[in-house]
Amino acid sequence: MERMIVHFYLVRHGQTEVNRRRRLQGITDSPLTKKGIAMAKRLGDDLYDVEFTAVYTSDLKRTQKTAQYILAQNTKKKPPIEIAPGLRELNFGNYEEMKNRKLVPTVLRKIGLRKIIAAFREQQHVMAVTNLFKIMDTATQIETAQQLNQRITRTLLEIAHKYNDEQSEVNILVVAHAIVLSVFIEGLKGDVPLLLLKNARVSKVDFENGNFNIVSINQKKLNSKRSENDDE
């Protein structure tokens, strides 16, 4: 029997209060701002006619709220939101909620400018920068980029295999986080913007014959196949 393609719509949550205050946000949860809610609704407007077979979020509230606002705009049958802890964001350890302006000199002092520049020059720059946090904070069990990629890949594979034998089109909405989604896309050799996937942007990845294939990355709308790198 021919297997159906599973279409993943990978979305980063809308802007949160911690995002707005320009602090590092990993496992720290924070409510969506008014702007973040508006972002989610706008994306929902764009996806209004996509019939989602299932919806998955991480166990952090900001992803669940984003999914709710997206689904509120959808005109098709709305599946229940399912929680997948494997979609959770990277734990930044002692650097959680650190102000960006304080983070930069801290990283410079601990890592050095040369290593930072080298990391950003890597083709898989998100993975390289993620590994810097592992180097800096040995007291916390921060995952390496490779461990993070294995975690989200395993989670998405488990989801894909649930629906791979469906007889109709399968569309899965996944709402997660900047680092975890960026690392996954880089693991598929995709080009992630220098400053990560933007809030409430969608990347589309298809699962077919046991493989993930990138369709589009970091888009406000799905009517263009190029990556959109401009700020919100």
C-alpha atoms as a PDB file:
ATOM      1  CA  MET A   1       0.000   0.000   0.000  1.00  0.00           C
ATOM      2  CA  GLU A   2       1.326   3.420  -0.948  1.00  0.00           C
ATOM      3  CA  ARG A   3       2.004   5.561   2.082  1.00  0.00           C
ATOM      4  CA  MET A   4       0.657   9.074   2.366  1.00  0.00           C
ATOM      5  CA  ILE A   5       3.012  12.045   2.658  1.00  0.00           C
ATOM      6  CA  VAL A   6       2.866  13.628   6.102  1.00  0.00           C
ATOM      7  CA  HIS A   7       3.030  17.430   5.834  1.00  0.00           C
ATOM      8  CA  PHE A   8       4.499  19.081   8.934  1.00  0.00           C
ATOM      9  CA  TYR A   9       3.766  22.759   9.555  1.00  0.00           C
ATOM     10  CA  LEU A  10       6.491  23.740  12.030  1.00  0.00           C
ATOM     11  CA  VAL A  11       5.732  26.993  13.849  1.00  0.00           C
ATOM     12  CA  ARG A  12       7.654  28.952  16.444  1.00  0.00           C
ATOM     13  CA  HIS A  13       5.391  30.374  19.156  1.00  0.00           C
ATOM     14  CA  GLY A  14       4.318  34.032  19.122  1.00  0.00           C
ATOM     15  CA  GLN A  15       6.269  36.767  20.900  1.00  0.00           C
ATOM     16  CA  THR A  16       6.340  36.417  24.699  1.00  0.00           C
ATOM     17  CA  GLU A  17       7.008  38.889  27.510  1.00  0.00           C
ATOM     18  CA  VAL A  18      10.517  37.469  27.902  1.00  0.00           C
ATOM     19  CA  ASN A  19      11.105  37.889  24.146  1.00  0.00           C
ATOM     20  CA  ARG A  20       9.852  41.466  24.369  1.00  0.00           C
ATOM     21  CA  ARG A  21      12.237  42.248  27.218  1.00  0.00           C
ATOM     22  CA  ARG A  22      15.071  40.847  25.096  1.00  0.00           C
ATOM     23  CA  ARG A  23      16.052  38.088  27.482  1.00  0.00           C
ATOM     24  CA  LEU A  24      17.157  34.540  26.738  1.00  0.00           C
ATOM     25  CA  GLN A  25      14.215  32.154  26.963  1.00  0.00           C
ATOM     26  CA  GLY A  26      14.504  28.400  27.059  1.00  0.00           C
ATOM     27  CA  ILE A  27      12.516  26.292  29.502  1.00  0.00           C
ATOM     28  CA  THR A  28      11.377  29.442  31.316  1.00  0.00           C
ATOM     29  CA  ASP A  29       7.750  29.959  30.351  1.00  0.00           C
ATOM     30  CA  SER A  30       6.231  33.346  29.684  1.00  0.00           C
ATOM     31  CA  PRO A  31       2.826  34.524  28.417  1.00  0.00           C
ATOM     32  CA  LEU A  32       2.298  35.806  24.907  1.00  0.00           C
ATOM     33  CA  THR A  33       2.270  39.569  24.448  1.00  0.00           C
ATOM     34  CA  LYS A  34      -0.547  41.331  22.602  1.00  0.00           C
ATOM     35  CA  LYS A  35       1.802  41.386  19.623  1.00  0.00           C
ATOM     36  CA  GLY A  36       2.440  37.659  20.026  1.00  0.00           C
ATOM     37  CA  ILE A  37      -1.282  36.948  20.036  1.00  0.00           C
ATOM     38  CA  ALA A  38      -1.750  39.077  16.914  1.00  0.00           C
ATOM     39  CA  MET A  39       1.114  37.204  15.222  1.00  0.00           C
ATOM     40  CA  ALA A  40      -0.513  33.850  15.944  1.00  0.00           C
ATOM     41  CA  LYS A  41      -3.879  35.048  14.668  1.00  0.00           C
ATOM     42  CA  ARG A  42      -2.324  36.377  11.447  1.00  0.00           C
ATOM     43  CA  LEU A  43      -0.650  33.041  10.830  1.00  0.00           C
ATOM     44  CA  GLY A  44      -3.961  31.347  11.574  1.00  0.00           C
ATOM     45  CA  ASP A  45      -5.586  33.544   8.933  1.00  0.00           C
ATOM     46  CA  ASP A  46      -3.027  32.301   6.398  1.00  0.00           C
ATOM     47  CA  LEU A  47      -3.610  28.664   7.370  1.00  0.00           C
ATOM     48  CA  TYR A  48      -7.386  29.021   7.686  1.00  0.00           C
ATOM     49  CA  ASP A  49      -8.194  26.409   5.033  1.00  0.00           C
ATOM     50  CA  VAL A  50      -5.598  23.789   5.984  1.00  0.00           C
ATOM     51  CA  GLU A  51      -7.335  20.747   7.433  1.00  0.00           C
ATOM     52  CA  PHE A  52      -5.054  19.609  10.233  1.00  0.00           C
ATOM     53  CA  THR A  53      -5.093  15.923  11.082  1.00  0.00           C
ATOM     54  CA  ALA A  54      -3.403  16.584  14.414  1.00  0.00           C
ATOM     55  CA  VAL A  55      -1.841  19.403  16.421  1.00  0.00           C
ATOM     56  CA  TYR A  56       1.175  19.007  18.697  1.00  0.00           C
ATOM     57  CA  THR A  57       2.882  21.488  21.005  1.00  0.00           C
ATOM     58  CA  SER A  58       5.578  21.332  23.647  1.00  0.00           C
ATOM     59  CA  ASP A  59       4.649  21.227  27.321  1.00  0.00           C
ATOM     60  CA  LEU A  60       5.276  24.978  27.653  1.00  0.00           C
ATOM     61  CA  LYS A  61       2.176  27.179  27.702  1.00  0.00           C
ATOM     62  CA  ARG A  62       3.388  29.676  25.100  1.00  0.00           C
ATOM     63  CA  THR A  63       3.242  27.012  22.401  1.00  0.00           C
ATOM     64  CA  GLN A  64      -0.180  25.806  23.480  1.00  0.00           C
ATOM     65  CA  LYS A  65      -1.629  29.324  23.451  1.00  0.00           C
ATOM     66  CA  THR A  66      -0.115  29.990  20.027  1.00  0.00           C
ATOM     67  CA  ALA A  67      -1.716  26.813  18.689  1.00  0.00           C
ATOM     68  CA  GLN A  68      -5.080  27.828  20.152  1.00  0.00           C
ATOM     69  CA  TYR A  69      -4.989  31.209  18.408  1.00  0.00           C
ATOM     70  CA  ILE A  70      -3.961  29.605  15.108  1.00  0.00           C
ATOM     71  CA  LEU A  71      -6.774  27.063  15.315  1.00  0.00           C
ATOM     72  CA  ALA A  72      -9.314  29.743  16.241  1.00  0.00           C
ATOM     73  CA  GLN A  73      -8.932  31.160  12.724  1.00  0.00           C
ATOM     74  CA  ASN A  74      -9.232  27.756  11.037  1.00  0.00           C
ATOM     75  CA  THR A  75     -12.457  26.916   9.200  1.00  0.00           C
ATOM     76  CA  LYS A  76     -11.933  23.141   9.173  1.00  0.00           C
ATOM     77  CA  LYS A  77     -12.539  20.548  11.854  1.00  0.00           C
ATOM     78  CA  LYS A  78     -10.234  21.319  14.760  1.00  0.00           C
ATOM     79  CA  PRO A  79      -8.347  18.389  16.322  1.00  0.00           C
ATOM     80  CA  PRO A  80      -7.451  18.507  20.032  1.00  0.00           C
ATOM     81  CA  ILE A  81      -4.040  19.863  20.971  1.00  0.00           C
ATOM     82  CA  GLU A  82      -1.672  17.091  22.046  1.00  0.00           C
ATOM     83  CA  ILE A  83       1.348  17.706  24.258  1.00  0.00           C
ATOM     84  CA  ALA A  84       4.729  16.308  23.185  1.00  0.00           C
ATOM     85  CA  PRO A  85       7.448  17.027  25.793  1.00  0.00           C
ATOM     86  CA  GLY A  86      10.078  16.153  23.173  1.00  0.00           C
ATOM     87  CA  LEU A  87       9.288  19.477  21.475  1.00  0.00           C
ATOM     88  CA  ARG A  88      10.439  21.454  24.526  1.00  0.00           C
ATOM     89  CA  GLU A  89      13.022  24.208  24.071  1.00  0.00           C
ATOM     90  CA  LEU A  90      16.685  23.920  25.056  1.00  0.00           C
ATOM     91  CA  ASN A  91      17.407  24.466  28.740  1.00  0.00           C
ATOM     92  CA  PHE A  92      19.889  27.362  28.908  1.00  0.00           C
ATOM     93  CA  GLY A  93      20.803  26.567  32.507  1.00  0.00           C
ATOM     94  CA  ASN A  94      22.296  29.523  34.377  1.00  0.00           C
ATOM     95  CA  TYR A  95      21.710  31.732  31.346  1.00  0.00           C
ATOM     96  CA  GLU A  96      17.909  31.450  31.416  1.00  0.00           C
ATOM     97  CA  GLU A  97      16.306  34.921  31.266  1.00  0.00           C
ATOM     98  CA  MET A  98      19.669  36.674  31.034  1.00  0.00           C
ATOM     99  CA  LYS A  99      19.400  40.039  29.287  1.00  0.00           C
ATOM    100  CA  ASN A 100      20.825  39.954  25.778  1.00  0.00           C
ATOM    101  CA  ARG A 101      23.044  42.961  26.474  1.00  0.00           C
ATOM    102  CA  LYS A 102      24.562  41.105  29.436  1.00  0.00           C
ATOM    103  CA  LEU A 103      24.791  37.790  27.598  1.00  0.00           C
ATOM    104  CA  VAL A 104      27.091  39.094  24.864  1.00  0.00           C
ATOM    105  CA  PRO A 105      29.936  40.268  27.162  1.00  0.00           C
ATOM    106  CA  THR A 106      29.513  37.140  29.287  1.00  0.00           C
ATOM    107  CA  VAL A 107      29.995  34.890  26.266  1.00  0.00           C
ATOM    108  CA  LEU A 108      32.926  36.998  25.076  1.00  0.00           C
ATOM    109  CA  ARG A 109      34.622  36.631  28.443  1.00  0.00           C
ATOM    110  CA  LYS A 110      34.068  32.870  28.742  1.00  0.00           C
ATOM    111  CA  ILE A 111      34.482  31.762  25.134  1.00  0.00           C
ATOM    112  CA  GLY A 112      36.426  34.470  23.352  1.00  0.00           C
ATOM    113  CA  LEU A 113      35.680  36.406  20.180  1.00  0.00           C
ATOM    114  CA  ARG A 114      37.453  33.969  17.856  1.00  0.00           C
ATOM    115  CA  LYS A 115      35.280  30.987  18.833  1.00  0.00           C
ATOM    116  CA  ILE A 116      32.114  33.075  18.631  1.00  0.00           C
ATOM    117  CA  ILE A 117      32.923  34.303  15.125  1.00  0.00           C
ATOM    118  CA  ALA A 118      33.841  30.767  14.071  1.00  0.00           C
ATOM    119  CA  ALA A 119      30.501  29.456  15.369  1.00  0.00           C
ATOM    120  CA  PHE A 120      28.468  32.032  13.452  1.00  0.00           C
ATOM    121  CA  ARG A 121      30.430  31.284  10.289  1.00  0.00           C
ATOM    122  CA  GLU A 122      29.511  27.613  10.416  1.00  0.00           C
ATOM    123  CA  GLN A 123      26.914  26.505   7.890  1.00  0.00           C
ATOM    124  CA  GLN A 124      25.058  24.951  10.830  1.00  0.00           C
ATOM    125  CA  HIS A 125      25.549  28.069  12.948  1.00  0.00           C
ATOM    126  CA  VAL A 126      22.623  27.423  15.308  1.00  0.00           C
ATOM    127  CA  MET A 127      24.091  24.045  16.238  1.00  0.00           C
ATOM    128  CA  ALA A 128      27.526  25.601  16.720  1.00  0.00           C
ATOM    129  CA  VAL A 129      26.234  28.415  18.938  1.00  0.00           C
ATOM    130  CA  THR A 130      24.060  25.984  20.928  1.00  0.00           C
ATOM    131  CA  ASN A 131      27.149  23.958  21.759  1.00  0.00           C
ATOM    132  CA  LEU A 132      28.807  27.086  23.185  1.00  0.00           C
ATOM    133  CA  PHE A 133      26.235  27.094  25.991  1.00  0.00           C
ATOM    134  CA  LYS A 134      27.176  23.518  26.808  1.00  0.00           C
ATOM    135  CA  ILE A 135      30.806  24.595  27.077  1.00  0.00           C
ATOM    136  CA  MET A 136      30.002  27.625  29.253  1.00  0.00           C
ATOM    137  CA  ASP A 137      27.618  25.974  31.729  1.00  0.00           C
ATOM    138  CA  THR A 138      28.975  22.622  32.858  1.00  0.00           C
ATOM    139  CA  ALA A 139      26.945  22.679  36.094  1.00  0.00           C
ATOM    140  CA  THR A 140      23.618  22.229  34.278  1.00  0.00           C
ATOM    141  CA  GLN A 141      22.664  19.316  32.068  1.00  0.00           C
ATOM    142  CA  ILE A 142      22.419  21.450  28.930  1.00  0.00           C
ATOM    143  CA  GLU A 143      21.945  19.315  25.832  1.00  0.00           C
ATOM    144  CA  THR A 144      24.401  19.472  22.981  1.00  0.00           C
ATOM    145  CA  ALA A 145      23.009  20.434  19.585  1.00  0.00           C
ATOM    146  CA  GLN A 146      23.336  16.808  18.546  1.00  0.00           C
ATOM    147  CA  GLN A 147      21.319  15.607  21.545  1.00  0.00           C
ATOM    148  CA  LEU A 148      18.690  18.265  20.909  1.00  0.00           C
ATOM    149  CA  ASN A 149      18.428  17.267  17.254  1.00  0.00           C
ATOM    150  CA  GLN A 150      18.106  13.603  18.189  1.00  0.00           C
ATOM    151  CA  ARG A 151      15.318  14.464  20.634  1.00  0.00           C
ATOM    152  CA  ILE A 152      13.156  16.459  18.238  1.00  0.00           C
ATOM    153  CA  THR A 153      13.839  14.115  15.320  1.00  0.00           C
ATOM    154  CA  ARG A 154      12.774  11.143  17.437  1.00  0.00           C
ATOM    155  CA  THR A 155       9.632  13.021  18.508  1.00  0.00           C
ATOM    156  CA  LEU A 156       8.644  13.989  14.962  1.00  0.00           C
ATOM    157  CA  LEU A 157       9.340  10.457  13.716  1.00  0.00           C
ATOM    158  CA  GLU A 158       7.022   9.055  16.374  1.00  0.00           C
ATOM    159  CA  ILE A 159       4.331  11.508  15.284  1.00  0.00           C
ATOM    160  CA  ALA A 160       4.866  10.792  11.574  1.00  0.00           C
ATOM    161  CA  HIS A 161       4.594   7.028  12.018  1.00  0.00           C
ATOM    162  CA  LYS A 162       1.215   7.436  13.726  1.00  0.00           C
ATOM    163  CA  TYR A 163      -0.255   8.868  10.538  1.00  0.00           C
ATOM    164  CA  ASN A 164       1.926   7.451   7.769  1.00  0.00           C
ATOM    165  CA  ASP A 165      -0.685   4.844   6.780  1.00  0.00           C
ATOM    166  CA  GLU A 166      -3.594   7.274   6.508  1.00  0.00           C
ATOM    167  CA  GLN A 167      -5.632   7.171   3.301  1.00  0.00           C
ATOM    168  CA  SER A 168      -6.176  10.919   3.060  1.00  0.00           C
ATOM    169  CA  GLU A 169      -3.901  13.951   3.160  1.00  0.00           C
ATOM    170  CA  VAL A 170      -2.108  14.343   6.475  1.00  0.00           C
ATOM    171  CA  ASN A 171      -1.322  17.824   7.782  1.00  0.00           C
ATOM    172  CA  ILE A 172       0.308  18.102  11.203  1.00  0.00           C
ATOM    173  CA  LEU A 173       0.620  21.447  12.989  1.00  0.00           C
ATOM    174  CA  VAL A 174       3.599  21.529  15.348  1.00  0.00           C
ATOM    175  CA  VAL A 175       4.132  24.590  17.547  1.00  0.00           C
ATOM    176  CA  ALA A 176       7.495  24.627  19.291  1.00  0.00           C
ATOM    177  CA  HIS A 177      10.515  26.874  19.807  1.00  0.00           C
ATOM    178  CA  ALA A 178      13.305  28.757  18.041  1.00  0.00           C
ATOM    179  CA  ILE A 179      16.353  26.668  18.929  1.00  0.00           C
ATOM    180  CA  VAL A 180      14.783  23.223  18.786  1.00  0.00           C
ATOM    181  CA  LEU A 181      13.148  23.877  15.398  1.00  0.00           C
ATOM    182  CA  SER A 182      16.236  25.625  14.000  1.00  0.00           C
ATOM    183  CA  VAL A 183      18.482  22.723  15.007  1.00  0.00           C
ATOM    184  CA  PHE A 184      16.087  20.251  13.383  1.00  0.00           C
ATOM    185  CA  ILE A 185      16.053  22.219  10.121  1.00  0.00           C
ATOM    186  CA  GLU A 186      19.841  22.551  10.147  1.00  0.00           C
ATOM    187  CA  GLY A 187      20.038  18.807  10.670  1.00  0.00           C
ATOM    188  CA  LEU A 188      18.180  18.467   7.359  1.00  0.00           C
ATOM    189  CA  LYS A 189      20.772  20.783   5.716  1.00  0.00           C
ATOM    190  CA  GLY A 190      18.349  23.696   5.668  1.00  0.00           C
ATOM    191  CA  ASP A 191      19.495  27.323   5.858  1.00  0.00           C
ATOM    192  CA  VAL A 192      18.278  28.965   9.059  1.00  0.00           C
ATOM    193  CA  PRO A 193      18.397  32.785   9.382  1.00  0.00           C
ATOM    194  CA  LEU A 194      21.357  34.100  11.370  1.00  0.00           C
ATOM    195  CA  LEU A 195      19.034  35.260  14.164  1.00  0.00           C
ATOM    196  CA  LEU A 196      16.942  32.064  14.219  1.00  0.00           C
ATOM    197  CA  LEU A 197      13.419  31.320  13.058  1.00  0.00           C
ATOM    198  CA  LYS A 198      11.126  34.267  13.795  1.00  0.00           C
ATOM    199  CA  ASN A 199       8.128  34.263  16.116  1.00  0.00           C
ATOM    200  CA  ALA A 200       4.957  32.849  14.535  1.00  0.00           C
ATOM    201  CA  ARG A 201       6.726  31.914  11.305  1.00  0.00           C
ATOM    202  CA  VAL A 202       6.012  28.604   9.619  1.00  0.00           C
ATOM    203  CA  SER A 203       8.409  26.128   8.048  1.00  0.00           C
ATOM    204  CA  LYS A 204       7.031  23.219   6.069  1.00  0.00           C
ATOM    205  CA  VAL A 205       8.692  19.792   6.112  1.00  0.00           C
ATOM    206  CA  ASP A 206       7.311  16.670   4.430  1.00  0.00           C
ATOM    207  CA  PHE A 207       7.847  13.115   5.659  1.00  0.00           C
ATOM    208  CA  GLU A 208       7.812  10.502   2.910  1.00  0.00           C
ATOM    209  CA  ASN A 209       9.345   7.035   2.598  1.00  0.00           C
ATOM    210  CA  GLY A 210      11.101   7.375   5.935  1.00  0.00           C
ATOM    211  CA  ASN A 211      12.730  10.719   5.164  1.00  0.00           C
ATOM    212  CA  PHE A 212      12.134  14.349   6.075  1.00  0.00           C
ATOM    213  CA  ASN A 213      12.325  16.845   3.206  1.00  0.00           C
ATOM    214  CA  ILE A 214      12.281  20.627   3.574  1.00  0.00           C
ATOM    215  CA  VAL A 215       9.632  22.455   1.544  1.00  0.00           C
ATOM    216  CA  SER A 216       9.984  25.991   2.929  1.00  0.00           C
ATOM    217  CA  ILE A 217      11.600  27.788   5.866  1.00  0.00           C
ATOM    218  CA  ASN A 218      10.655  30.700   8.140  1.00  0.00           C
ATOM    219  CA  GLN A 219       7.711  32.134   6.251  1.00  0.00           C
ATOM    220  CA  LYS A 220       5.027  34.635   7.189  1.00  0.00           C
ATOM    221  CA  LYS A 221       2.876  33.117   4.476  1.00  0.00           C
ATOM    222  CA  LEU A 222       3.028  29.909   2.484  1.00  0.00           C
ATOM    223  CA  ASN A 223       2.680  31.536  -0.934  1.00  0.00           C
ATOM    224  CA  SER A 224       6.452  31.826  -1.313  1.00  0.00           C
ATOM    225  CA  LYS A 225       9.018  29.029  -1.211  1.00  0.00           C
ATOM    226  CA  ARG A 226      11.961  31.178  -0.224  1.00  0.00           C
ATOM    227  CA  SER A 227      13.177  31.713   3.333  1.00  0.00           C
ATOM    228  CA  GLU A 228      12.104  35.070   4.730  1.00  0.00           C
ATOM    229  CA  ASN A 229      14.848  36.546   6.884  1.00  0.00           C
ATOM    230  CA  ASP A 230      13.391  39.961   7.637  1.00  0.00           C
ATOM    231  CA  ASP A 231      12.423  40.845  11.188  1.00  0.00           C
ATOM    232  CA  GLU A 232       8.852  40.921  12.380  1.00  0.00           C
END
